[in-house]
Amino acid sequence: MLRSLGLSPEIVAYLNSVNPAEHPALTRCRKETSALPMARMQISPEQGAFMQTIARLVRAKRAFEIGVFTGYSSLATALAMREMNPDAYILACDVSEEWTGKARDYWREAGVDKNIDLQLRPATETLDQRLAVGEVGSYDMGFIDADKTAYEEYYERGLKLLRTGGVMLFDNVLWSGAVADPANQMPDTAALRALALKAKGDTRVHAAMTAIGDGVLICIKR
């Protein structure tokens, strides 16, 4: 979501004025993506700043992302991670050559393309392969922003990949407010409600939801 749910343009402008300045490649990505038909799939700049803060808090060296789109979130995270470690690594999962082709361009501009390993196939296949080769507990951070009905599958696999104290962020968990409407039983909406309830009752994580962007569910592995 290009702007956090419920925030006025004036508040967004204020947030952008006091948050750290965007890297030029982030600005270009945001502006060019805003002109695309699927622009609503891009996270907001204040969410990008939030993700950079989380990466710094957990001292992330290794991260995974499910749902790359044009690359704003992976670029923001990679920039923060590389400040701490030039060998920072992001496993980026997507199925679209078209959208990720744009992402590669922004990554190259910012000089983080070598830090991002893009895998173009269903994310469950990529995650299962990484688990099978021994990457259990080796990631510090994960960001999931893909097909909502598969969030539970990503949750279980992502939790195995995370180290203790690592954090997973799930995007769009407020779904433009639809999750608060009991009459809305669409598959995506129902899946997001189910994930929130699962995380709340899961003793393997500490979970909390925030209204940044279109809602972000934060899960810290115990």
C-alpha atoms as a PDB file:
ATOM      1  CA  MET A   1       0.000   0.000   0.000  1.00  0.00           C
ATOM      2  CA  LEU A   2       1.492   3.305  -1.100  1.00  0.00           C
ATOM      3  CA  ARG A   3       0.178   5.087   1.994  1.00  0.00           C
ATOM      4  CA  SER A   4      -0.532   3.702   5.453  1.00  0.00           C
ATOM      5  CA  LEU A   5      -4.177   2.864   6.042  1.00  0.00           C
ATOM      6  CA  GLY A   6      -6.167   5.810   7.378  1.00  0.00           C
ATOM      7  CA  LEU A   7      -3.381   8.385   7.228  1.00  0.00           C
ATOM      8  CA  SER A   8      -4.023  11.703   5.519  1.00  0.00           C
ATOM      9  CA  PRO A   9      -1.603  13.027   2.877  1.00  0.00           C
ATOM     10  CA  GLU A  10      -0.553  15.693   5.389  1.00  0.00           C
ATOM     11  CA  ILE A  11       0.404  13.116   8.023  1.00  0.00           C
ATOM     12  CA  VAL A  12       2.257  11.039   5.432  1.00  0.00           C
ATOM     13  CA  ALA A  13       4.167  14.115   4.310  1.00  0.00           C
ATOM     14  CA  TYR A  14       5.087  14.865   7.918  1.00  0.00           C
ATOM     15  CA  LEU A  15       6.281  11.305   8.521  1.00  0.00           C
ATOM     16  CA  ASN A  16       8.440  11.442   5.415  1.00  0.00           C
ATOM     17  CA  SER A  17       9.900  14.769   6.549  1.00  0.00           C
ATOM     18  CA  VAL A  18      11.085  13.389   9.909  1.00  0.00           C
ATOM     19  CA  ASN A  19      12.032   9.830   8.895  1.00  0.00           C
ATOM     20  CA  PRO A  20      15.490   9.119   7.422  1.00  0.00           C
ATOM     21  CA  ALA A  21      15.812  10.249   3.811  1.00  0.00           C
ATOM     22  CA  GLU A  22      15.183   7.632   1.137  1.00  0.00           C
ATOM     23  CA  HIS A  23      18.075   6.380  -0.927  1.00  0.00           C
ATOM     24  CA  PRO A  24      17.695   7.792  -4.490  1.00  0.00           C
ATOM     25  CA  ALA A  25      17.051   4.286  -5.837  1.00  0.00           C
ATOM     26  CA  LEU A  26      14.197   3.861  -3.343  1.00  0.00           C
ATOM     27  CA  THR A  27      12.700   7.165  -4.428  1.00  0.00           C
ATOM     28  CA  ARG A  28      12.891   6.186  -8.091  1.00  0.00           C
ATOM     29  CA  CYS A  29      11.375   2.777  -7.357  1.00  0.00           C
ATOM     30  CA  ARG A  30       8.509   4.321  -5.387  1.00  0.00           C
ATOM     31  CA  LYS A  31       7.713   7.010  -7.945  1.00  0.00           C
ATOM     32  CA  GLU A  32       7.942   4.767 -10.999  1.00  0.00           C
ATOM     33  CA  THR A  33       5.929   2.004  -9.349  1.00  0.00           C
ATOM     34  CA  SER A  34       3.188   4.455  -8.353  1.00  0.00           C
ATOM     35  CA  ALA A  35       2.378   4.852 -12.064  1.00  0.00           C
ATOM     36  CA  LEU A  36       1.845   1.114 -12.598  1.00  0.00           C
ATOM     37  CA  PRO A  37      -1.601  -0.561 -12.623  1.00  0.00           C
ATOM     38  CA  MET A  38      -0.590  -2.750  -9.642  1.00  0.00           C
ATOM     39  CA  ALA A  39       0.885   0.139  -7.623  1.00  0.00           C
ATOM     40  CA  ARG A  40      -1.163  -0.750  -4.533  1.00  0.00           C
ATOM     41  CA  MET A  41       1.097  -3.789  -4.067  1.00  0.00           C
ATOM     42  CA  GLN A  42       4.037  -1.543  -3.132  1.00  0.00           C
ATOM     43  CA  ILE A  43       4.694  -0.824   0.534  1.00  0.00           C
ATOM     44  CA  SER A  44       4.657   2.741   1.838  1.00  0.00           C
ATOM     45  CA  PRO A  45       7.895   4.660   2.529  1.00  0.00           C
ATOM     46  CA  GLU A  46       7.107   4.787   6.251  1.00  0.00           C
ATOM     47  CA  GLN A  47       6.808   0.993   6.202  1.00  0.00           C
ATOM     48  CA  GLY A  48      10.168   0.791   4.477  1.00  0.00           C
ATOM     49  CA  ALA A  49      11.707   2.919   7.232  1.00  0.00           C
ATOM     50  CA  PHE A  50      10.070   0.644   9.812  1.00  0.00           C
ATOM     51  CA  MET A  51      11.541  -2.461   8.178  1.00  0.00           C
ATOM     52  CA  GLN A  52      14.980  -0.890   8.112  1.00  0.00           C
ATOM     53  CA  THR A  53      14.656  -0.223  11.841  1.00  0.00           C
ATOM     54  CA  ILE A  54      13.667  -3.840  12.520  1.00  0.00           C
ATOM     55  CA  ALA A  55      16.652  -5.062  10.478  1.00  0.00           C
ATOM     56  CA  ARG A  56      18.954  -2.920  12.578  1.00  0.00           C
ATOM     57  CA  LEU A  57      17.333  -3.995  15.853  1.00  0.00           C
ATOM     58  CA  VAL A  58      17.940  -7.676  15.174  1.00  0.00           C
ATOM     59  CA  ARG A  59      21.350  -6.986  13.548  1.00  0.00           C
ATOM     60  CA  ALA A  60      20.144  -8.903  10.500  1.00  0.00           C
ATOM     61  CA  LYS A  61      22.803 -10.586   8.382  1.00  0.00           C
ATOM     62  CA  ARG A  62      20.460 -13.009   6.606  1.00  0.00           C
ATOM     63  CA  ALA A  63      16.851 -12.383   5.611  1.00  0.00           C
ATOM     64  CA  PHE A  64      14.200 -13.882   3.364  1.00  0.00           C
ATOM     65  CA  GLU A  65      11.423 -12.162   1.472  1.00  0.00           C
ATOM     66  CA  ILE A  66       8.345 -13.717  -0.123  1.00  0.00           C
ATOM     67  CA  GLY A  67       6.774 -11.423  -2.682  1.00  0.00           C
ATOM     68  CA  VAL A  68       9.257  -9.016  -4.254  1.00  0.00           C
ATOM     69  CA  PHE A  69       7.137  -7.006  -6.728  1.00  0.00           C
ATOM     70  CA  THR A  70       9.303  -4.084  -7.968  1.00  0.00           C
ATOM     71  CA  GLY A  71      11.759  -4.396  -5.100  1.00  0.00           C
ATOM     72  CA  TYR A  72      11.104  -1.526  -2.677  1.00  0.00           C
ATOM     73  CA  SER A  73      10.967  -3.657   0.480  1.00  0.00           C
ATOM     74  CA  SER A  74      13.976  -5.827  -0.390  1.00  0.00           C
ATOM     75  CA  LEU A  75      15.963  -2.749  -1.391  1.00  0.00           C
ATOM     76  CA  ALA A  76      15.136  -0.903   1.831  1.00  0.00           C
ATOM     77  CA  THR A  77      16.047  -3.932   3.931  1.00  0.00           C
ATOM     78  CA  ALA A  78      19.234  -4.666   1.984  1.00  0.00           C
ATOM     79  CA  LEU A  79      20.472  -1.092   2.386  1.00  0.00           C
ATOM     80  CA  ALA A  80      20.051  -1.265   6.170  1.00  0.00           C
ATOM     81  CA  MET A  81      21.593  -4.729   6.411  1.00  0.00           C
ATOM     82  CA  ARG A  82      24.606  -3.839   4.290  1.00  0.00           C
ATOM     83  CA  GLU A  83      25.404  -0.872   6.514  1.00  0.00           C
ATOM     84  CA  MET A  84      26.065  -3.408   9.264  1.00  0.00           C
ATOM     85  CA  ASN A  85      27.559  -6.185   7.148  1.00  0.00           C
ATOM     86  CA  PRO A  86      28.821  -5.892   3.545  1.00  0.00           C
ATOM     87  CA  ASP A  87      28.122  -9.619   3.101  1.00  0.00           C
ATOM     88  CA  ALA A  88      24.458  -9.330   4.074  1.00  0.00           C
ATOM     89  CA  TYR A  89      22.215 -11.822   2.263  1.00  0.00           C
ATOM     90  CA  ILE A  90      18.547 -11.687   1.259  1.00  0.00           C
ATOM     91  CA  LEU A  91      16.764 -14.697  -0.229  1.00  0.00           C
ATOM     92  CA  ALA A  92      14.078 -13.132  -2.434  1.00  0.00           C
ATOM     93  CA  CYS A  93      11.193 -15.322  -3.623  1.00  0.00           C
ATOM     94  CA  ASP A  94       8.804 -14.421  -6.433  1.00  0.00           C
ATOM     95  CA  VAL A  95       7.265 -15.845  -9.594  1.00  0.00           C
ATOM     96  CA  SER A  96       7.140 -12.741 -11.821  1.00  0.00           C
ATOM     97  CA  GLU A  97      10.005 -12.078 -14.199  1.00  0.00           C
ATOM     98  CA  GLU A  98       8.276  -8.863 -15.301  1.00  0.00           C
ATOM     99  CA  TRP A  99       8.069  -7.163 -11.909  1.00  0.00           C
ATOM    100  CA  THR A 100      11.347  -8.480 -10.519  1.00  0.00           C
ATOM    101  CA  GLY A 101      13.103  -7.309 -13.670  1.00  0.00           C
ATOM    102  CA  LYS A 102      12.341  -3.786 -12.504  1.00  0.00           C
ATOM    103  CA  ALA A 103      13.520  -4.694  -9.009  1.00  0.00           C
ATOM    104  CA  ARG A 104      16.895  -5.857 -10.332  1.00  0.00           C
ATOM    105  CA  ASP A 105      17.385  -2.454 -11.926  1.00  0.00           C
ATOM    106  CA  TYR A 106      16.849  -0.615  -8.622  1.00  0.00           C
ATOM    107  CA  TRP A 107      19.051  -3.094  -6.750  1.00  0.00           C
ATOM    108  CA  ARG A 108      21.875  -2.482  -9.226  1.00  0.00           C
ATOM    109  CA  GLU A 109      21.479   1.276  -8.928  1.00  0.00           C
ATOM    110  CA  ALA A 110      21.845   1.057  -5.143  1.00  0.00           C
ATOM    111  CA  GLY A 111      24.722  -1.425  -5.373  1.00  0.00           C
ATOM    112  CA  VAL A 112      22.975  -4.190  -3.408  1.00  0.00           C
ATOM    113  CA  ASP A 113      22.246  -6.562  -6.304  1.00  0.00           C
ATOM    114  CA  LYS A 114      25.014  -8.919  -5.178  1.00  0.00           C
ATOM    115  CA  ASN A 115      23.396  -9.131  -1.729  1.00  0.00           C
ATOM    116  CA  ILE A 116      20.019 -10.327  -3.063  1.00  0.00           C
ATOM    117  CA  ASP A 117      19.478 -13.885  -4.292  1.00  0.00           C
ATOM    118  CA  LEU A 118      16.323 -13.855  -6.435  1.00  0.00           C
ATOM    119  CA  GLN A 119      14.553 -17.199  -6.869  1.00  0.00           C
ATOM    120  CA  LEU A 120      11.823 -17.246  -9.527  1.00  0.00           C
ATOM    121  CA  ARG A 121       9.598 -20.187  -8.634  1.00  0.00           C
ATOM    122  CA  PRO A 122       6.858 -20.874  -6.055  1.00  0.00           C
ATOM    123  CA  ALA A 123       8.150 -19.744  -2.673  1.00  0.00           C
ATOM    124  CA  THR A 124       7.162 -22.981  -0.934  1.00  0.00           C
ATOM    125  CA  GLU A 125       9.525 -24.856  -3.261  1.00  0.00           C
ATOM    126  CA  THR A 126      12.387 -22.489  -2.500  1.00  0.00           C
ATOM    127  CA  LEU A 127      11.812 -22.575   1.263  1.00  0.00           C
ATOM    128  CA  ASP A 128      11.479 -26.367   1.339  1.00  0.00           C
ATOM    129  CA  GLN A 129      14.731 -26.688  -0.596  1.00  0.00           C
ATOM    130  CA  ARG A 130      16.550 -24.366   1.816  1.00  0.00           C
ATOM    131  CA  LEU A 131      15.231 -26.274   4.809  1.00  0.00           C
ATOM    132  CA  ALA A 132      16.312 -29.555   3.228  1.00  0.00           C
ATOM    133  CA  VAL A 133      19.907 -28.380   2.775  1.00  0.00           C
ATOM    134  CA  GLY A 134      20.270 -27.376   6.416  1.00  0.00           C
ATOM    135  CA  GLU A 135      19.308 -23.700   6.648  1.00  0.00           C
ATOM    136  CA  VAL A 136      17.035 -24.282   9.643  1.00  0.00           C
ATOM    137  CA  GLY A 137      17.478 -21.488  12.191  1.00  0.00           C
ATOM    138  CA  SER A 138      19.909 -19.528  10.005  1.00  0.00           C
ATOM    139  CA  TYR A 139      17.872 -16.407   9.173  1.00  0.00           C
ATOM    140  CA  ASP A 140      17.469 -13.291  11.273  1.00  0.00           C
ATOM    141  CA  MET A 141      14.466 -11.734   9.549  1.00  0.00           C
ATOM    142  CA  GLY A 142      11.680 -12.483   7.100  1.00  0.00           C
ATOM    143  CA  PHE A 143       9.103 -10.395   5.230  1.00  0.00           C
ATOM    144  CA  ILE A 144       6.023 -11.979   3.680  1.00  0.00           C
ATOM    145  CA  ASP A 145       3.926 -10.015   1.199  1.00  0.00           C
ATOM    146  CA  ALA A 146       2.492 -12.489  -1.298  1.00  0.00           C
ATOM    147  CA  ASP A 147      -0.665 -14.571  -1.841  1.00  0.00           C
ATOM    148  CA  LYS A 148      -2.660 -14.281   1.364  1.00  0.00           C
ATOM    149  CA  THR A 149      -4.219 -17.742   1.261  1.00  0.00           C
ATOM    150  CA  ALA A 150      -0.698 -19.213   1.481  1.00  0.00           C
ATOM    151  CA  TYR A 151       0.367 -17.120   4.489  1.00  0.00           C
ATOM    152  CA  GLU A 152      -0.047 -20.055   6.872  1.00  0.00           C
ATOM    153  CA  GLU A 153       2.285 -22.178   4.726  1.00  0.00           C
ATOM    154  CA  TYR A 154       4.857 -19.375   4.663  1.00  0.00           C
ATOM    155  CA  TYR A 155       4.464 -18.914   8.419  1.00  0.00           C
ATOM    156  CA  GLU A 156       5.385 -22.515   9.224  1.00  0.00           C
ATOM    157  CA  ARG A 157       8.323 -22.652   6.835  1.00  0.00           C
ATOM    158  CA  GLY A 158       9.551 -19.202   7.790  1.00  0.00           C
ATOM    159  CA  LEU A 159       9.439 -20.046  11.471  1.00  0.00           C
ATOM    160  CA  LYS A 160      11.744 -23.005  10.840  1.00  0.00           C
ATOM    161  CA  LEU A 161      14.184 -20.821   8.921  1.00  0.00           C
ATOM    162  CA  LEU A 162      14.319 -18.169  11.665  1.00  0.00           C
ATOM    163  CA  ARG A 163      16.782 -18.273  14.522  1.00  0.00           C
ATOM    164  CA  THR A 164      15.594 -17.778  18.076  1.00  0.00           C
ATOM    165  CA  GLY A 165      15.009 -14.043  18.467  1.00  0.00           C
ATOM    166  CA  GLY A 166      14.510 -13.614  14.714  1.00  0.00           C
ATOM    167  CA  VAL A 167      11.485 -11.734  13.419  1.00  0.00           C
ATOM    168  CA  MET A 168       8.945 -12.330  10.646  1.00  0.00           C
ATOM    169  CA  LEU A 169       6.790  -9.509   9.280  1.00  0.00           C
ATOM    170  CA  PHE A 170       3.521 -10.250   7.457  1.00  0.00           C
ATOM    171  CA  ASP A 171       2.105  -7.455   5.306  1.00  0.00           C
ATOM    172  CA  ASN A 172      -1.531  -6.477   4.578  1.00  0.00           C
ATOM    173  CA  VAL A 173      -2.950  -8.082   7.712  1.00  0.00           C
ATOM    174  CA  LEU A 174      -5.599  -5.329   8.017  1.00  0.00           C
ATOM    175  CA  TRP A 175      -6.568  -5.802   4.355  1.00  0.00           C
ATOM    176  CA  SER A 176      -7.894  -2.236   4.001  1.00  0.00           C
ATOM    177  CA  GLY A 177     -10.108  -2.868   7.035  1.00  0.00           C
ATOM    178  CA  ALA A 178     -11.848  -5.932   5.602  1.00  0.00           C
ATOM    179  CA  VAL A 179     -10.659  -8.189   8.439  1.00  0.00           C
ATOM    180  CA  ALA A 180     -12.808  -6.176  10.879  1.00  0.00           C
ATOM    181  CA  ASP A 181     -15.994  -6.841   8.884  1.00  0.00           C
ATOM    182  CA  PRO A 182     -17.537 -10.173  10.023  1.00  0.00           C
ATOM    183  CA  ALA A 183     -19.644 -10.269   6.853  1.00  0.00           C
ATOM    184  CA  ASN A 184     -16.534 -10.427   4.692  1.00  0.00           C
ATOM    185  CA  GLN A 185     -15.699 -14.101   4.285  1.00  0.00           C
ATOM    186  CA  MET A 186     -13.615 -13.853   1.126  1.00  0.00           C
ATOM    187  CA  PRO A 187     -10.728 -16.366   1.060  1.00  0.00           C
ATOM    188  CA  ASP A 188      -7.964 -13.762   1.448  1.00  0.00           C
ATOM    189  CA  THR A 189      -9.758 -12.036   4.319  1.00  0.00           C
ATOM    190  CA  ALA A 190     -10.462 -15.308   6.110  1.00  0.00           C
ATOM    191  CA  ALA A 191      -6.840 -16.413   5.682  1.00  0.00           C
ATOM    192  CA  LEU A 192      -5.543 -13.189   7.224  1.00  0.00           C
ATOM    193  CA  ARG A 193      -7.877 -13.511  10.213  1.00  0.00           C
ATOM    194  CA  ALA A 194      -6.803 -17.122  10.694  1.00  0.00           C
ATOM    195  CA  LEU A 195      -3.128 -16.170  10.632  1.00  0.00           C
ATOM    196  CA  ALA A 196      -3.619 -13.439  13.233  1.00  0.00           C
ATOM    197  CA  LEU A 197      -5.418 -15.840  15.568  1.00  0.00           C
ATOM    198  CA  LYS A 198      -2.840 -18.561  15.015  1.00  0.00           C
ATOM    199  CA  ALA A 199       0.060 -16.248  15.807  1.00  0.00           C
ATOM    200  CA  LYS A 200      -1.711 -14.889  18.889  1.00  0.00           C
ATOM    201  CA  GLY A 201      -2.059 -18.375  20.347  1.00  0.00           C
ATOM    202  CA  ASP A 202       1.279 -19.767  19.166  1.00  0.00           C
ATOM    203  CA  THR A 203       3.686 -20.288  22.072  1.00  0.00           C
ATOM    204  CA  ARG A 204       6.587 -20.452  19.597  1.00  0.00           C
ATOM    205  CA  VAL A 205       6.363 -16.714  18.935  1.00  0.00           C
ATOM    206  CA  HIS A 206       5.589 -13.380  20.519  1.00  0.00           C
ATOM    207  CA  ALA A 207       3.162 -11.747  18.094  1.00  0.00           C
ATOM    208  CA  ALA A 208       1.780  -8.222  17.827  1.00  0.00           C
ATOM    209  CA  MET A 209       0.020  -6.316  15.063  1.00  0.00           C
ATOM    210  CA  THR A 210       0.658  -2.726  14.031  1.00  0.00           C
ATOM    211  CA  ALA A 211      -1.285  -0.396  11.726  1.00  0.00           C
ATOM    212  CA  ILE A 212       1.760   0.613   9.662  1.00  0.00           C
ATOM    213  CA  GLY A 213       1.030   0.360   5.931  1.00  0.00           C
ATOM    214  CA  ASP A 214      -1.956  -1.953   5.484  1.00  0.00           C
ATOM    215  CA  GLY A 215      -1.189  -3.633   8.793  1.00  0.00           C
ATOM    216  CA  VAL A 216       1.960  -5.562   9.702  1.00  0.00           C
ATOM    217  CA  LEU A 217       1.955  -8.654  11.914  1.00  0.00           C
ATOM    218  CA  ILE A 218       5.231  -8.946  13.835  1.00  0.00           C
ATOM    219  CA  CYS A 219       6.249 -12.422  14.992  1.00  0.00           C
ATOM    220  CA  ILE A 220       9.376 -12.835  17.125  1.00  0.00           C
ATOM    221  CA  LYS A 221      10.570 -16.422  17.466  1.00  0.00           C
ATOM    222  CA  ARG A 222      10.936 -17.503  21.081  1.00  0.00           C
END
